[in-house]
Amino acid sequence: MLEGVPGMPHISLVTLGVDDVERASQFYAALGWTRSSASEPSVTFFHGSTAALALFGRDALAADVGLPGPAPRGFAGVALAMNLPTTAAVDEMLAGAQQAGGRIVKPGQQTPWGGYAGYFADPDGHLWEVAHNPFFPLDPDGRVSLP
C-alpha cells in the first residue's frame, strides 16, 4: 500500500475522451448520471456511486497525456462495466442507452458464467458492459462485493 493513501487500490475517476463534450454529457445525463457543479465547457464531471465520470474532448485528452497528433480511434481493448441487481435492470439500462443515442452492441442474454449481460456503445464508441452477476452481490451503494 502507498504511504498516505487510505485503503486498497481503487478507481476514483474514469475520464472518457469524446468528440463533443456537450453531446456526450446529454447522453450520460439521460442515463441518470448527475452533473457536478465542477463541470466547465471543456470537461463535464458526473457523480457516481462508486467512481466519478469525466467527459473531456478526445484530442484535448490526447494532448494532456502527451500523445502526438490527433487522438487515435478504434477498439481500445477496454470496456467499462456496471453491475445491476436484476436482469430486468440490465434490460432497462440497455434500452435507456439506446433511447439516449447509444448503440446496442450485444443484447442482454444469459452468460456462460451464470449471469446475464449485454453491451452498449456510447455515441463516441466507448463500450459498456451492463451485467447482473448473482455471484457478486451489490452493497447498498452499488459496489460489487467480490468473494
C-alpha atoms as a PDB file:
ATOM      1  CA  MET A   1       0.000   0.000   0.000  1.00  0.00           C
ATOM      2  CA  LEU A   2       1.203   3.511  -0.745  1.00  0.00           C
ATOM      3  CA  GLU A   3       2.097   5.623   2.235  1.00  0.00           C
ATOM      4  CA  GLY A   4      -0.537   8.267   2.909  1.00  0.00           C
ATOM      5  CA  VAL A   5      -3.120   6.597   0.637  1.00  0.00           C
ATOM      6  CA  PRO A   6      -6.015   5.089   2.589  1.00  0.00           C
ATOM      7  CA  GLY A   7      -7.451   1.658   1.840  1.00  0.00           C
ATOM      8  CA  MET A   8      -6.905  -0.649  -1.050  1.00  0.00           C
ATOM      9  CA  PRO A   9      -6.278   0.468  -4.650  1.00  0.00           C
ATOM     10  CA  HIS A  10      -9.371   1.997  -6.174  1.00  0.00           C
ATOM     11  CA  ILE A  11     -10.640   3.923  -9.167  1.00  0.00           C
ATOM     12  CA  SER A  12     -11.611   7.456  -8.236  1.00  0.00           C
ATOM     13  CA  LEU A  13     -12.404   8.857 -11.672  1.00  0.00           C
ATOM     14  CA  VAL A  14     -12.815   7.493 -15.197  1.00  0.00           C
ATOM     15  CA  THR A  15     -12.184  10.002 -18.000  1.00  0.00           C
ATOM     16  CA  LEU A  16     -13.571   9.328 -21.460  1.00  0.00           C
ATOM     17  CA  GLY A  17     -12.270  11.217 -24.485  1.00  0.00           C
ATOM     18  CA  VAL A  18     -15.260  12.347 -26.541  1.00  0.00           C
ATOM     19  CA  ASP A  19     -15.761  14.204 -29.824  1.00  0.00           C
ATOM     20  CA  ASP A  20     -18.418  16.579 -28.470  1.00  0.00           C
ATOM     21  CA  VAL A  21     -18.439  17.173 -24.704  1.00  0.00           C
ATOM     22  CA  GLU A  22     -21.971  18.590 -24.598  1.00  0.00           C
ATOM     23  CA  ARG A  23     -23.489  15.809 -26.738  1.00  0.00           C
ATOM     24  CA  ALA A  24     -21.780  13.167 -24.592  1.00  0.00           C
ATOM     25  CA  SER A  25     -22.899  14.988 -21.431  1.00  0.00           C
ATOM     26  CA  GLN A  26     -26.512  14.878 -22.580  1.00  0.00           C
ATOM     27  CA  PHE A  27     -26.198  11.141 -23.268  1.00  0.00           C
ATOM     28  CA  TYR A  28     -24.875  10.322 -19.788  1.00  0.00           C
ATOM     29  CA  ALA A  29     -27.383  12.645 -18.113  1.00  0.00           C
ATOM     30  CA  ALA A  30     -30.150  10.724 -19.926  1.00  0.00           C
ATOM     31  CA  LEU A  31     -28.780   7.519 -18.345  1.00  0.00           C
ATOM     32  CA  GLY A  32     -29.184   9.030 -14.880  1.00  0.00           C
ATOM     33  CA  TRP A  33     -25.708  10.397 -14.156  1.00  0.00           C
ATOM     34  CA  THR A  34     -25.806  13.655 -12.146  1.00  0.00           C
ATOM     35  CA  ARG A  35     -23.671  16.514 -13.466  1.00  0.00           C
ATOM     36  CA  SER A  36     -21.284  18.112 -10.963  1.00  0.00           C
ATOM     37  CA  SER A  37     -21.093  21.868 -10.463  1.00  0.00           C
ATOM     38  CA  ALA A  38     -17.326  21.480 -11.058  1.00  0.00           C
ATOM     39  CA  SER A  39     -18.089  20.968 -14.775  1.00  0.00           C
ATOM     40  CA  GLU A  40     -16.927  23.504 -17.361  1.00  0.00           C
ATOM     41  CA  PRO A  41     -17.470  23.782 -21.106  1.00  0.00           C
ATOM     42  CA  SER A  42     -14.324  21.722 -21.819  1.00  0.00           C
ATOM     43  CA  VAL A  43     -14.994  18.939 -19.289  1.00  0.00           C
ATOM     44  CA  THR A  44     -18.079  17.523 -17.622  1.00  0.00           C
ATOM     45  CA  PHE A  45     -17.887  15.682 -14.324  1.00  0.00           C
ATOM     46  CA  PHE A  46     -20.608  13.315 -13.134  1.00  0.00           C
ATOM     47  CA  HIS A  47     -21.216  11.946  -9.660  1.00  0.00           C
ATOM     48  CA  GLY A  48     -21.209   8.155  -9.431  1.00  0.00           C
ATOM     49  CA  SER A  49     -21.898   5.835  -6.548  1.00  0.00           C
ATOM     50  CA  THR A  50     -18.535   4.088  -6.868  1.00  0.00           C
ATOM     51  CA  ALA A  51     -16.408   6.453  -9.017  1.00  0.00           C
ATOM     52  CA  ALA A  52     -16.805   9.777 -10.770  1.00  0.00           C
ATOM     53  CA  LEU A  53     -17.062  10.008 -14.562  1.00  0.00           C
ATOM     54  CA  ALA A  54     -15.419  12.768 -16.600  1.00  0.00           C
ATOM     55  CA  LEU A  55     -16.022  13.626 -20.254  1.00  0.00           C
ATOM     56  CA  PHE A  56     -13.161  15.512 -21.901  1.00  0.00           C
ATOM     57  CA  GLY A  57     -12.538  16.377 -25.540  1.00  0.00           C
ATOM     58  CA  ARG A  58     -10.782  13.421 -27.207  1.00  0.00           C
ATOM     59  CA  ASP A  59      -7.976  15.492 -28.760  1.00  0.00           C
ATOM     60  CA  ALA A  60      -7.584  17.567 -25.573  1.00  0.00           C
ATOM     61  CA  LEU A  61      -7.234  14.349 -23.561  1.00  0.00           C
ATOM     62  CA  ALA A  62      -4.615  13.032 -26.000  1.00  0.00           C
ATOM     63  CA  ALA A  63      -2.707  16.309 -25.691  1.00  0.00           C
ATOM     64  CA  ASP A  64      -2.947  16.160 -21.893  1.00  0.00           C
ATOM     65  CA  VAL A  65      -1.457  12.648 -21.960  1.00  0.00           C
ATOM     66  CA  GLY A  66       1.277  13.843 -24.321  1.00  0.00           C
ATOM     67  CA  LEU A  67       0.261  11.850 -27.387  1.00  0.00           C
ATOM     68  CA  PRO A  68       1.275  13.453 -30.695  1.00  0.00           C
ATOM     69  CA  GLY A  69      -1.254  14.367 -33.372  1.00  0.00           C
ATOM     70  CA  PRO A  70      -4.964  13.606 -33.358  1.00  0.00           C
ATOM     71  CA  ALA A  71      -6.258  11.085 -30.827  1.00  0.00           C
ATOM     72  CA  PRO A  72      -6.342   7.503 -32.077  1.00  0.00           C
ATOM     73  CA  ARG A  73      -9.696   5.904 -32.861  1.00  0.00           C
ATOM     74  CA  GLY A  74     -10.966   2.335 -32.775  1.00  0.00           C
ATOM     75  CA  PHE A  75     -11.237  -0.547 -30.368  1.00  0.00           C
ATOM     76  CA  ALA A  76      -9.025   0.136 -27.360  1.00  0.00           C
ATOM     77  CA  GLY A  77      -9.425  -3.226 -25.625  1.00  0.00           C
ATOM     78  CA  VAL A  78     -11.337  -1.595 -22.759  1.00  0.00           C
ATOM     79  CA  ALA A  79     -14.921  -1.962 -21.612  1.00  0.00           C
ATOM     80  CA  LEU A  80     -16.394  -0.187 -18.624  1.00  0.00           C
ATOM     81  CA  ALA A  81     -18.959  -2.138 -16.662  1.00  0.00           C
ATOM     82  CA  MET A  82     -21.882  -1.616 -14.350  1.00  0.00           C
ATOM     83  CA  ASN A  83     -23.379  -4.424 -12.333  1.00  0.00           C
ATOM     84  CA  LEU A  84     -27.075  -4.162 -11.582  1.00  0.00           C
ATOM     85  CA  PRO A  85     -29.269  -6.031  -9.107  1.00  0.00           C
ATOM     86  CA  THR A  86     -31.559  -7.823 -11.615  1.00  0.00           C
ATOM     87  CA  THR A  87     -31.765  -8.993 -15.222  1.00  0.00           C
ATOM     88  CA  ALA A  88     -34.711  -6.618 -15.711  1.00  0.00           C
ATOM     89  CA  ALA A  89     -32.499  -3.704 -14.628  1.00  0.00           C
ATOM     90  CA  VAL A  90     -29.905  -4.777 -17.228  1.00  0.00           C
ATOM     91  CA  ASP A  91     -32.524  -4.733 -19.996  1.00  0.00           C
ATOM     92  CA  GLU A  92     -33.848  -1.384 -18.766  1.00  0.00           C
ATOM     93  CA  MET A  93     -30.361   0.189 -18.799  1.00  0.00           C
ATOM     94  CA  LEU A  94     -29.626  -1.166 -22.287  1.00  0.00           C
ATOM     95  CA  ALA A  95     -32.950   0.190 -23.582  1.00  0.00           C
ATOM     96  CA  GLY A  96     -32.257   3.547 -21.937  1.00  0.00           C
ATOM     97  CA  ALA A  97     -28.816   3.723 -23.542  1.00  0.00           C
ATOM     98  CA  GLN A  98     -30.294   3.022 -26.968  1.00  0.00           C
ATOM     99  CA  GLN A  99     -33.065   5.579 -26.463  1.00  0.00           C
ATOM    100  CA  ALA A 100     -30.476   8.200 -25.420  1.00  0.00           C
ATOM    101  CA  GLY A 101     -28.465   7.694 -28.629  1.00  0.00           C
ATOM    102  CA  GLY A 102     -26.218   4.759 -27.814  1.00  0.00           C
ATOM    103  CA  ARG A 103     -25.909   1.585 -29.867  1.00  0.00           C
ATOM    104  CA  ILE A 104     -26.634  -1.901 -28.582  1.00  0.00           C
ATOM    105  CA  VAL A 105     -23.556  -3.998 -29.375  1.00  0.00           C
ATOM    106  CA  LYS A 106     -24.785  -7.182 -27.692  1.00  0.00           C
ATOM    107  CA  PRO A 107     -28.318  -7.510 -26.306  1.00  0.00           C
ATOM    108  CA  GLY A 108     -28.827  -8.724 -22.760  1.00  0.00           C
ATOM    109  CA  GLN A 109     -28.565 -12.508 -22.556  1.00  0.00           C
ATOM    110  CA  GLN A 110     -27.682 -15.368 -20.259  1.00  0.00           C
ATOM    111  CA  THR A 111     -23.922 -15.802 -19.920  1.00  0.00           C
ATOM    112  CA  PRO A 112     -21.821 -18.976 -19.720  1.00  0.00           C
ATOM    113  CA  TRP A 113     -20.742 -17.968 -16.194  1.00  0.00           C
ATOM    114  CA  GLY A 114     -24.321 -17.970 -14.871  1.00  0.00           C
ATOM    115  CA  GLY A 115     -25.169 -14.289 -15.060  1.00  0.00           C
ATOM    116  CA  TYR A 116     -26.922 -12.014 -17.527  1.00  0.00           C
ATOM    117  CA  ALA A 117     -25.176  -9.294 -19.539  1.00  0.00           C
ATOM    118  CA  GLY A 118     -25.191  -7.124 -22.638  1.00  0.00           C
ATOM    119  CA  TYR A 119     -23.101  -4.307 -24.128  1.00  0.00           C
ATOM    120  CA  PHE A 120     -23.805  -0.853 -25.486  1.00  0.00           C
ATOM    121  CA  ALA A 121     -21.547   1.713 -27.120  1.00  0.00           C
ATOM    122  CA  ASP A 122     -21.985   5.371 -26.223  1.00  0.00           C
ATOM    123  CA  PRO A 123     -22.118   7.941 -29.069  1.00  0.00           C
ATOM    124  CA  ASP A 124     -18.294   8.030 -29.126  1.00  0.00           C
ATOM    125  CA  GLY A 125     -17.954   4.248 -29.274  1.00  0.00           C
ATOM    126  CA  HIS A 126     -16.948   3.640 -25.631  1.00  0.00           C
ATOM    127  CA  LEU A 127     -18.106   0.169 -24.652  1.00  0.00           C
ATOM    128  CA  TRP A 128     -20.123  -0.511 -21.520  1.00  0.00           C
ATOM    129  CA  GLU A 129     -20.993  -3.948 -20.214  1.00  0.00           C
ATOM    130  CA  VAL A 130     -24.236  -3.996 -18.250  1.00  0.00           C
ATOM    131  CA  ALA A 131     -24.499  -7.126 -16.133  1.00  0.00           C
ATOM    132  CA  HIS A 132     -26.339  -8.914 -13.392  1.00  0.00           C
ATOM    133  CA  ASN A 133     -23.913 -11.233 -11.623  1.00  0.00           C
ATOM    134  CA  PRO A 134     -25.626 -13.268  -8.908  1.00  0.00           C
ATOM    135  CA  PHE A 135     -22.193 -14.306  -7.578  1.00  0.00           C
ATOM    136  CA  PHE A 136     -21.019 -10.707  -6.935  1.00  0.00           C
ATOM    137  CA  PRO A 137     -23.648  -9.128  -4.670  1.00  0.00           C
ATOM    138  CA  LEU A 138     -24.016  -5.360  -4.539  1.00  0.00           C
ATOM    139  CA  ASP A 139     -23.846  -3.363  -1.333  1.00  0.00           C
ATOM    140  CA  PRO A 140     -26.424  -0.592  -0.686  1.00  0.00           C
ATOM    141  CA  ASP A 141     -24.220   1.911  -2.577  1.00  0.00           C
ATOM    142  CA  GLY A 142     -23.976  -0.344  -5.652  1.00  0.00           C
ATOM    143  CA  ARG A 143     -20.414  -1.509  -5.007  1.00  0.00           C
ATOM    144  CA  VAL A 144     -19.580  -5.044  -6.085  1.00  0.00           C
ATOM    145  CA  SER A 145     -18.733  -7.430  -3.259  1.00  0.00           C
ATOM    146  CA  LEU A 146     -16.123  -9.817  -4.598  1.00  0.00           C
ATOM    147  CA  PRO A 147     -15.609 -13.140  -2.837  1.00  0.00           C
END
